[in-house]
Structure formats: structure tokens, C-alpha cells
């Protein structure tokens, strides 16, 4: 009899569970879903949360994650939310990832080239895209690189999404022997120091400055130096330590001048960028590098041969700086104003702006400003870059 009662109890419990589960799934299946959506088209690489596509919803999203928009085409997005009846609902919608950004052609109204150039114009003129690694680029018009003269041409570029850019320009083929170099204005460190009394003024140095007298730099009021630690011999080449780096960093620290370093990179992918960063870390581990490590990529005249998009290049710079940051060093991106405005998308780390002018009109944020490359200061017998630090 007791066994029979136990069995009845167990069966009753099982029945209750089955009924409960059935009700639960019935509620889910018939849960009220009331969602209206915004425009479901997103630009490639755009950072958008699930909620940004939803105009109204009868509940609260559980995980408002950033969608993956790194490739073009249709994508199915799933998400969960708790509706107003306190039921967890799984919902889906489709988005379309598109590329509406036209390729960039880096050229002014006139392009000058020495007669007899062995490189083609389409190799020389930077033609890049935010998404395509190799946008189509061609030149309309006749010209002869072996004949001095001026040629009116049009350069065209298009990407896989049929975005197009065209630009008219005059090609000036000239004899380099007949061109006289213009003397540029010398900028004296003492003048800059007087003008920027409320900021720290420093220099960036490499082997090109030769032997530097850091005792005189200290006396001149140099507040910091950023030293070239090295580079590779082109893309994929061996690492080369700047021949003056060890002397420069030892002398700077001896005279208590705060130090930062920069690496001139030719990286063409994330793996190479991380290797660059690890090499730099090995070179500086025995020194106090208070101002951190800067990433300097400027092989623009050969950009077309790298077969990378502008997005790829930004991923490369981030990979380098992420690796430096993980090693507990400060890090930043070095570049000139125009490239910062049109190609780089540096939102995570500091920026070192290069803009040779009395007053920059760059609107982005920057930690350092390289104001010239024709600086003169006691202790260096050659031109030197002068920099302003903003704290």
C-alpha cells in the first residue's frame, strides 16, 4: 500500500512538472512580441548596438551587444529580451551591411615627377579604400614619363561596391637637374620655448641628428626627447636598431631628460605589427621610458603595393599599440594632419600630430604636436624636429 502511495505521489509530481513545463513553453511560444525597427542598413565597420536598430519594443533587451559589421551582405541578428509579461523572448531580424564610402585618391591639382621615372603613375599615386584591399585605379589621358612637359589627366578609382572617385590633375614631368631646392625657414628652439611657456617643449631624435650633446640640450631647456628606437629594412625585412639609440637614451637619462621612443614600421598585417611591438619592448626593457612608445607608419608612396585597406592599416596600428599597452607602457600614434583626418581612426590611444605651421587647424585630440623639422638648438649641429607636449 505504501509503495502504491509513493508511486501516486511521484506520478503526481511528474504530472505537475509536465504541466508546468508545458505552460512555460506555451507562454514563450505565444509570448507577445511587439517590436518595430529602424533602418536595417549599416555601414561596414560601423559600431552599432542591437538597440540602435530598434525603434520600439515591449520589454528590455538582455544583452545589447555590438553587432559584427566587418563584412558586406545580409546578416541575421538574434537577441533576447524580457517582455512586459516578464517572459524571456528570443527574436531575430536581418540587417544589410553596405559600403557607401568611395575610394580615396591622394593627389593635388598638380603632380610632379622627375623625367625617366621607372615606376608607373598608378603605383605612385596613393589609391586606397576603407574596405577593398585593392580598388581599381586607372588614368585617363596620354602622357610620357620620358618626355618633359605638362599633361592634363584624370585618375579614376572604384571599389567592389561600385563606389567611384575621379580627380583631374596636371602631370608635370620635369628635369630634376633644373630644380633648385627652396631654403626653408629655420625655427630656433629658444623662440619656441618663449612662445609656449605654459607647455613642455622637446625634440625627437634619430641617427640623422648625429652626435648630440645632451648636456647642452638640458641647459637649453629641452623638457623631453622622443628617440627613434629602430625599424625594419622595409616590409618583411630584418630589424635594425637606430645606430644612435643606445647612446641617445643613456645620455638623455643621465641628464634627467624624460624619454619616449618611436618605431618606424613597415608592418602589413597584425602579426607583423605585434612582432614589431615585441621587438621594441626588448630594446627598451632596461631603460626608463616614461613617455612610452609611438607607432610611426608612413610608407605612403608604396601603399598600393601593400594590398591592405585603410581599415586593415588601422587594425595594424591598434595591434602594435595594444601590445605596447599590455607591457604597461604608454603608447600613441604618430602621423601628419592630413593622414590623421582622412585615413587614421585612432580613438583608443593618444595622438602625436605632425603639422608644420605656426597654428594648427587640426580638430582632433592630440598629446604632442611636432611643429617643424627645421629646428635648431645648441647641442645639435643639424636640423631637428621640435615638439610641444600637452598635459
Protein backbone atom coordinates (compact mmCIF):
# COMPACT_ATOMS: atom_id res chain seq x y z
CA UNK A 1 0.00 0.00 0.00
CA UNK A 2 2.81 2.40 0.89
CA UNK A 3 4.51 1.64 -2.40
CA UNK A 4 1.31 2.47 -4.24
CA UNK A 5 1.03 5.81 -2.44
CA UNK A 6 4.64 6.66 -3.22
CA UNK A 7 4.06 5.85 -6.87
CA UNK A 8 0.93 8.03 -6.93
CA UNK A 9 2.86 10.91 -5.34
CA UNK A 10 5.70 10.57 -7.82
CA UNK A 11 3.32 10.43 -10.75
CA UNK A 12 1.51 13.49 -9.41
CA UNK A 13 4.77 15.41 -9.11
CA UNK A 14 5.76 14.36 -12.62
CA UNK A 15 2.38 15.45 -13.95
CA UNK A 16 2.69 18.81 -12.24
CA UNK A 17 6.17 19.26 -13.74
CA UNK A 18 4.93 18.33 -17.20
CA UNK A 19 2.04 20.75 -16.89
CA UNK A 20 4.36 23.48 -15.60
CA UNK A 21 6.86 22.98 -18.41
CA UNK A 22 4.05 22.88 -20.96
CA UNK A 23 2.63 26.13 -19.63
CA UNK A 24 6.10 27.68 -19.67
CA UNK A 25 6.73 26.74 -23.27
CA UNK A 26 3.20 27.74 -24.24
CA UNK A 27 3.78 31.18 -22.73
CA UNK A 28 7.07 31.50 -24.59
CA UNK A 29 5.56 30.31 -27.86
CA UNK A 30 2.64 32.67 -27.53
CA UNK A 31 4.53 35.49 -25.82
CA UNK A 32 3.52 38.90 -27.05
CA UNK A 33 6.18 40.32 -29.34
CA UNK A 34 5.74 43.94 -30.28
CA UNK A 35 8.85 45.30 -31.99
CA UNK A 36 9.27 47.97 -34.66
CA UNK A 37 12.60 48.56 -36.34
CA UNK A 38 14.60 51.49 -37.64
CA UNK A 39 16.53 51.39 -40.91
CA UNK A 40 18.25 47.99 -41.04
CA UNK A 41 21.14 49.10 -43.24
CA UNK A 42 24.54 49.61 -41.61
CA UNK A 43 27.84 50.90 -42.98
CA UNK A 44 30.69 48.40 -42.94
CA UNK A 45 32.80 48.58 -39.74
CA UNK A 46 30.21 50.84 -38.09
CA UNK A 47 29.89 50.11 -34.37
CA UNK A 48 26.17 49.65 -33.71
CA UNK A 49 24.38 48.08 -30.74
CA UNK A 50 21.34 45.86 -31.25
CA UNK A 51 19.16 48.55 -29.67
CA UNK A 52 20.15 51.10 -32.33
CA UNK A 53 18.11 49.15 -34.90
CA UNK A 54 15.01 49.02 -32.70
CA UNK A 55 12.51 51.87 -32.72
CA UNK A 56 10.22 50.41 -30.06
CA UNK A 57 9.99 47.17 -28.10
CA UNK A 58 7.62 45.75 -25.47
CA UNK A 59 10.31 44.99 -22.96
CA UNK A 60 14.00 45.29 -22.14
CA UNK A 61 16.93 43.83 -24.11
CA UNK A 62 19.08 41.47 -22.03
CA UNK A 63 22.39 41.78 -23.90
CA UNK A 64 22.65 44.91 -26.03
CA UNK A 65 25.81 43.77 -27.83
CA UNK A 66 27.66 45.39 -30.74
CA UNK A 67 26.82 43.65 -33.99
CA UNK A 68 29.50 42.27 -36.33
CA UNK A 69 29.66 44.56 -39.38
CA UNK A 70 33.11 43.60 -40.65
CA UNK A 71 31.88 42.03 -43.90
CA UNK A 72 29.36 43.07 -46.52
CA UNK A 73 25.99 41.46 -47.12
CA UNK A 74 22.94 40.21 -45.26
CA UNK A 75 23.32 39.18 -41.61
CA UNK A 76 20.80 37.58 -39.26
CA UNK A 77 20.82 39.15 -35.81
CA UNK A 78 19.38 37.35 -32.79
CA UNK A 79 18.80 38.81 -29.35
CA UNK A 80 16.83 38.14 -26.19
CA UNK A 81 14.66 40.44 -24.15
CA UNK A 82 12.24 40.30 -21.23
CA UNK A 83 8.80 41.41 -22.40
CA UNK A 84 6.22 43.27 -20.38
CA UNK A 85 4.72 39.95 -19.24
CA UNK A 86 8.12 39.06 -17.74
CA UNK A 87 8.74 36.38 -20.36
CA UNK A 88 12.19 35.89 -21.92
CA UNK A 89 11.78 36.11 -25.68
CA UNK A 90 14.27 35.34 -28.44
CA UNK A 91 13.81 37.50 -31.52
CA UNK A 92 15.53 37.87 -34.88
CA UNK A 93 15.96 40.46 -37.59
CA UNK A 94 18.09 40.84 -40.72
CA UNK A 95 20.45 43.71 -41.43
CA UNK A 96 22.31 44.64 -44.59
CA UNK A 97 25.96 45.67 -44.28
CA UNK A 98 26.96 48.02 -47.09
CA UNK A 99 29.95 50.09 -48.17
CA UNK A 100 28.98 53.58 -49.28
CA UNK A 101 32.43 55.14 -48.93
CA UNK A 102 34.23 55.92 -52.18
CA UNK A 103 37.94 55.13 -52.62
CA UNK A 104 40.47 57.82 -51.76
CA UNK A 105 42.87 59.20 -54.37
CA UNK A 106 45.73 61.07 -52.70
CA UNK A 107 46.67 63.75 -55.21
CA UNK A 108 46.52 67.52 -55.52
CA UNK A 109 45.79 69.51 -58.68
CA UNK A 110 49.40 69.09 -59.82
CA UNK A 111 51.62 66.03 -59.58
CA UNK A 112 55.33 66.46 -60.35
CA UNK A 113 57.63 63.63 -61.34
CA UNK A 114 61.24 63.54 -62.49
CA UNK A 115 61.71 62.55 -66.12
CA UNK A 116 62.54 58.88 -66.68
CA UNK A 117 60.71 57.50 -63.65
CA UNK A 118 60.63 53.70 -63.69
CA UNK A 119 57.51 53.43 -61.53
CA UNK A 120 54.07 53.77 -63.08
CA UNK A 121 51.76 56.59 -62.07
CA UNK A 122 49.16 54.16 -60.75
CA UNK A 123 51.83 52.74 -58.44
CA UNK A 124 52.99 56.14 -57.26
CA UNK A 125 49.65 57.83 -56.59
CA UNK A 126 48.05 56.52 -53.41
CA UNK A 127 44.75 54.87 -54.28
CA UNK A 128 43.11 53.21 -51.29
CA UNK A 129 39.75 52.19 -49.88
CA UNK A 130 38.17 51.72 -46.48
CA UNK A 131 37.11 48.13 -47.36
CA UNK A 132 38.72 46.89 -50.59
CA UNK A 133 42.35 45.88 -50.35
CA UNK A 134 42.97 46.74 -53.99
CA UNK A 135 40.48 49.17 -55.56
CA UNK A 136 40.61 49.51 -59.33
CA UNK A 137 42.61 52.54 -60.36
CA UNK A 138 43.42 53.82 -63.85
CA UNK A 139 44.47 57.04 -65.56
CA UNK A 140 42.63 58.64 -68.46
CA UNK A 141 44.75 60.61 -70.91
CA UNK A 142 48.07 60.37 -72.70
CA UNK A 143 51.42 61.11 -71.09
CA UNK A 144 55.08 60.17 -71.43
CA UNK A 145 57.26 59.87 -68.32
CA UNK A 146 60.33 60.03 -70.55
CA UNK A 147 59.38 63.39 -72.05
CA UNK A 148 59.48 66.69 -70.16
CA UNK A 149 56.17 68.51 -70.26
CA UNK A 150 52.76 69.01 -68.70
CA UNK A 151 49.89 66.61 -69.24
CA UNK A 152 46.23 67.09 -68.27
CA UNK A 153 44.93 63.79 -66.92
CA UNK A 154 42.10 62.25 -64.93
CA UNK A 155 42.59 59.44 -62.42
CA UNK A 156 39.67 57.13 -61.65
CA UNK A 157 39.15 54.68 -58.79
CA UNK A 158 36.32 52.26 -57.99
CA UNK A 159 35.68 49.59 -55.38
CA UNK A 160 33.72 46.33 -55.28
CA UNK A 161 30.58 48.17 -54.12
CA UNK A 162 30.72 50.37 -57.24
CA UNK A 163 31.67 53.49 -55.31
CA UNK A 164 33.71 55.74 -57.57
CA UNK A 165 36.13 58.65 -57.31
CA UNK A 166 37.63 60.70 -60.12
CA UNK A 167 40.09 63.55 -59.97
CA UNK A 168 41.57 65.81 -62.64
CA UNK A 169 45.20 66.82 -62.31
CA UNK A 170 48.16 68.10 -64.28
CA UNK A 171 51.18 65.82 -64.50
CA UNK A 172 54.39 67.84 -64.55
CA UNK A 173 57.31 65.79 -65.90
CA UNK A 174 60.45 67.79 -65.15
CA UNK A 175 64.24 67.58 -65.26
CA UNK A 176 65.47 67.26 -61.64
CA UNK A 177 68.76 68.92 -62.64
CA UNK A 178 66.94 72.18 -63.29
CA UNK A 179 65.14 72.29 -59.96
CA UNK A 180 66.61 74.39 -57.19
CA UNK A 181 65.68 73.36 -53.67
CA UNK A 182 63.99 76.08 -51.67
CA UNK A 183 65.52 77.07 -48.38
CA UNK A 184 63.05 76.58 -45.57
CA UNK A 185 62.79 78.82 -42.55
CA UNK A 186 64.90 77.83 -39.56
CA UNK A 187 62.97 77.54 -36.31
CA UNK A 188 65.02 78.25 -33.20
CA UNK A 189 64.27 76.22 -30.09
CA UNK A 190 64.65 79.25 -27.85
CA UNK A 191 61.91 81.06 -29.80
CA UNK A 192 59.53 78.11 -29.46
CA UNK A 193 60.34 77.88 -25.76
CA UNK A 194 59.43 81.52 -25.31
CA UNK A 195 56.21 81.19 -27.29
CA UNK A 196 54.98 78.08 -25.46
CA UNK A 197 55.88 78.99 -21.88
CA UNK A 198 52.96 77.05 -20.43
CA UNK A 199 53.82 73.80 -22.22
CA UNK A 200 56.76 71.44 -22.30
CA UNK A 201 58.93 71.73 -25.40
CA UNK A 202 61.08 68.86 -26.60
CA UNK A 203 62.71 67.15 -29.57
CA UNK A 204 62.52 63.88 -31.44
CA UNK A 205 65.89 62.44 -32.39
CA UNK A 206 67.40 59.72 -34.55
CA UNK A 207 70.67 58.87 -36.24
CA UNK A 208 70.05 61.75 -38.64
CA UNK A 209 70.93 64.25 -35.89
CA UNK A 210 74.36 62.67 -35.45
CA UNK A 211 76.17 63.07 -32.12
CA UNK A 212 74.04 65.02 -29.68
CA UNK A 213 75.34 66.93 -26.66
CA UNK A 214 72.65 66.25 -24.06
CA UNK A 215 74.35 68.49 -21.53
CA UNK A 216 73.70 71.44 -23.84
CA UNK A 217 70.15 70.24 -24.54
CA UNK A 218 69.45 70.23 -20.82
CA UNK A 219 70.86 73.73 -20.46
CA UNK A 220 68.78 74.89 -23.44
CA UNK A 221 65.59 73.88 -21.64
CA UNK A 222 64.69 70.73 -23.56
CA UNK A 223 61.90 69.16 -21.45
CA UNK A 224 61.78 65.76 -23.15
CA UNK A 225 63.05 63.73 -26.09
CA UNK A 226 61.39 61.06 -28.24
CA UNK A 227 64.03 58.75 -29.68
CA UNK A 228 63.88 56.56 -32.76
CA UNK A 229 64.45 53.04 -31.44
CA UNK A 230 64.63 51.44 -34.86
CA UNK A 231 62.80 49.99 -37.83
CA UNK A 232 62.87 47.09 -40.26
CA UNK A 233 64.64 47.03 -43.61
CA UNK A 234 61.39 47.62 -45.47
CA UNK A 235 58.35 45.37 -45.27
CA UNK A 236 59.33 41.94 -44.01
CA UNK A 237 62.98 42.91 -43.55
CA UNK A 238 65.22 42.34 -40.56
CA UNK A 239 65.04 44.59 -37.51
CA UNK A 240 67.58 47.40 -37.28
CA UNK A 241 68.34 49.30 -34.09
CA UNK A 242 68.88 53.02 -34.69
CA UNK A 243 72.64 53.39 -34.52
CA UNK A 244 72.41 56.31 -32.07
CA UNK A 245 69.63 54.88 -29.88
CA UNK A 246 71.68 53.42 -27.03
CA UNK A 247 73.88 56.49 -26.75
CA UNK A 248 70.92 58.85 -27.00
CA UNK A 249 68.80 57.14 -24.37
CA UNK A 250 71.70 56.70 -21.95
CA UNK A 251 72.72 60.35 -22.26
CA UNK A 252 69.15 61.64 -22.01
CA UNK A 253 68.54 59.69 -18.81
CA UNK A 254 71.92 60.75 -17.46
CA UNK A 255 70.82 64.38 -17.69
CA UNK A 256 67.35 63.53 -16.36
CA UNK A 257 65.54 64.36 -19.59
CA UNK A 258 62.30 62.31 -19.81
CA UNK A 259 62.34 59.85 -22.71
CA UNK A 260 59.85 58.37 -25.16
CA UNK A 261 60.63 56.24 -28.21
CA UNK A 262 59.12 55.68 -31.64
CA UNK A 263 59.30 52.77 -34.06
CA UNK A 264 59.21 53.30 -37.82
CA UNK A 265 57.04 50.44 -39.02
CA UNK A 266 56.51 48.76 -42.39
CA UNK A 267 54.01 46.24 -41.00
CA UNK A 268 51.48 44.90 -43.49
CA UNK A 269 49.44 42.74 -41.13
CA UNK A 270 48.56 42.32 -37.46
CA UNK A 271 51.14 39.60 -36.84
CA UNK A 272 53.98 41.80 -38.10
CA UNK A 273 52.73 44.72 -36.00
CA UNK A 274 52.74 42.62 -32.84
CA UNK A 275 56.23 41.37 -33.65
CA UNK A 276 57.34 44.98 -34.11
CA UNK A 277 55.98 45.87 -30.68
CA UNK A 278 57.64 42.88 -29.01
CA UNK A 279 60.98 43.78 -30.59
CA UNK A 280 60.67 47.34 -29.28
CA UNK A 281 59.84 46.12 -25.78
CA UNK A 282 63.01 44.02 -25.75
CA UNK A 283 65.13 47.04 -26.73
CA UNK A 284 63.75 49.35 -24.05
CA UNK A 285 63.22 46.96 -21.11
CA UNK A 286 66.41 48.09 -19.34
CA UNK A 287 65.63 51.81 -19.61
CA UNK A 288 63.11 54.17 -18.06
CA UNK A 289 60.82 55.11 -20.95
CA UNK A 290 58.43 57.42 -19.14
CA UNK A 291 56.77 58.84 -22.26
CA UNK A 292 56.03 55.49 -23.85
CA UNK A 293 56.24 54.11 -27.38
CA UNK A 294 54.88 55.69 -30.57
CA UNK A 295 53.81 53.85 -33.73
CA UNK A 296 55.06 55.56 -36.90
CA UNK A 297 53.82 54.15 -40.24
CA UNK A 298 54.34 56.38 -43.25
CA UNK A 299 55.23 54.26 -46.29
CA UNK A 300 52.54 56.05 -48.26
CA UNK A 301 54.38 56.20 -51.59
CA UNK A 302 54.28 52.38 -51.65
CA UNK A 303 50.86 51.93 -50.03
CA UNK A 304 49.31 50.49 -53.21
CA UNK A 305 51.73 47.55 -53.12
CA UNK A 306 50.74 46.55 -49.57
CA UNK A 307 47.34 45.18 -50.66
CA UNK A 308 45.61 46.38 -47.49
CA UNK A 309 42.58 48.55 -46.86
CA UNK A 310 42.58 51.62 -44.65
CA UNK A 311 40.65 49.55 -42.10
CA UNK A 312 43.43 46.95 -42.22
CA UNK A 313 46.01 49.66 -41.59
CA UNK A 314 44.12 50.90 -38.54
CA UNK A 315 43.93 47.33 -37.24
CA UNK A 316 47.70 47.08 -37.71
CA UNK A 317 48.35 50.23 -35.69
CA UNK A 318 45.96 49.10 -32.95
CA UNK A 319 47.67 45.70 -32.77
CA UNK A 320 51.04 47.40 -32.21
CA UNK A 321 49.71 49.81 -29.60
CA UNK A 322 47.68 47.11 -27.83
CA UNK A 323 50.83 45.02 -27.46
CA UNK A 324 52.76 48.01 -26.10
CA UNK A 325 49.94 48.85 -23.69
CA UNK A 326 49.84 45.26 -22.40
CA UNK A 327 53.51 45.67 -21.47
CA UNK A 328 52.47 48.65 -19.28
CA UNK A 329 53.94 51.38 -21.48
CA UNK A 330 52.10 54.45 -22.69
CA UNK A 331 51.55 54.41 -26.43
CA UNK A 332 50.38 56.69 -29.22
CA UNK A 333 50.05 57.07 -32.98
CA UNK A 334 52.31 59.44 -34.92
CA UNK A 335 51.13 60.90 -38.22
CA UNK A 336 50.68 64.13 -40.13
CA UNK A 337 47.48 66.16 -40.14
CA UNK A 338 46.05 65.07 -43.50
CA UNK A 339 46.54 61.36 -42.89
CA UNK A 340 45.03 61.68 -39.42
CA UNK A 341 41.97 63.34 -40.92
CA UNK A 342 41.45 61.06 -43.92
CA UNK A 343 42.92 57.63 -43.11
CA UNK A 344 43.63 57.05 -39.44
CA UNK A 345 40.81 56.34 -36.99
CA UNK A 346 42.65 56.45 -33.68
CA UNK A 347 40.14 56.69 -30.83
CA UNK A 348 41.75 54.40 -28.28
CA UNK A 349 45.21 55.93 -27.78
CA UNK A 350 46.93 59.31 -27.77
CA UNK A 351 47.96 61.06 -30.98
CA UNK A 352 51.24 62.70 -31.91
CA UNK A 353 50.37 65.26 -34.56
CA UNK A 354 52.85 66.36 -37.23
CA UNK A 355 51.82 69.69 -38.73
CA UNK A 356 54.46 72.22 -39.72
CA UNK A 357 52.74 75.52 -39.12
CA UNK A 358 52.52 78.34 -36.59
CA UNK A 359 48.94 77.47 -35.67
CA UNK A 360 47.41 74.09 -36.40
CA UNK A 361 43.79 73.78 -37.52
CA UNK A 362 43.65 70.07 -36.77
CA UNK A 363 40.38 69.46 -34.92
CA UNK A 364 41.15 66.08 -33.37
CA UNK A 365 42.69 65.49 -29.96
CA UNK A 366 46.46 65.23 -29.68
CA UNK A 367 49.01 64.81 -26.89
CA UNK A 368 52.06 66.03 -28.83
CA UNK A 369 52.45 68.42 -31.73
CA UNK A 370 55.52 68.21 -33.96
CA UNK A 371 55.67 71.79 -35.22
CA UNK A 372 58.70 71.67 -37.54
CA UNK A 373 61.60 69.62 -38.87
CA UNK A 374 63.93 72.59 -39.34
CA UNK A 375 64.61 73.28 -35.69
CA UNK A 376 67.93 74.45 -34.35
CA UNK A 377 69.19 74.10 -30.80
CA UNK A 378 72.55 74.29 -29.05
CA UNK A 379 73.92 70.75 -28.80
CA UNK A 380 72.86 69.56 -32.26
CA UNK A 381 74.65 70.61 -35.44
CA UNK A 382 71.83 69.62 -37.79
CA UNK A 383 68.13 70.32 -38.23
CA UNK A 384 65.89 68.66 -35.67
CA UNK A 385 62.16 68.17 -35.10
CA UNK A 386 60.67 70.33 -32.33
CA UNK A 387 57.65 69.08 -30.39
CA UNK A 388 55.13 70.52 -27.94
CA UNK A 389 53.69 68.32 -25.18
CA UNK A 390 50.18 68.97 -23.86
CA UNK A 391 49.41 67.62 -20.38
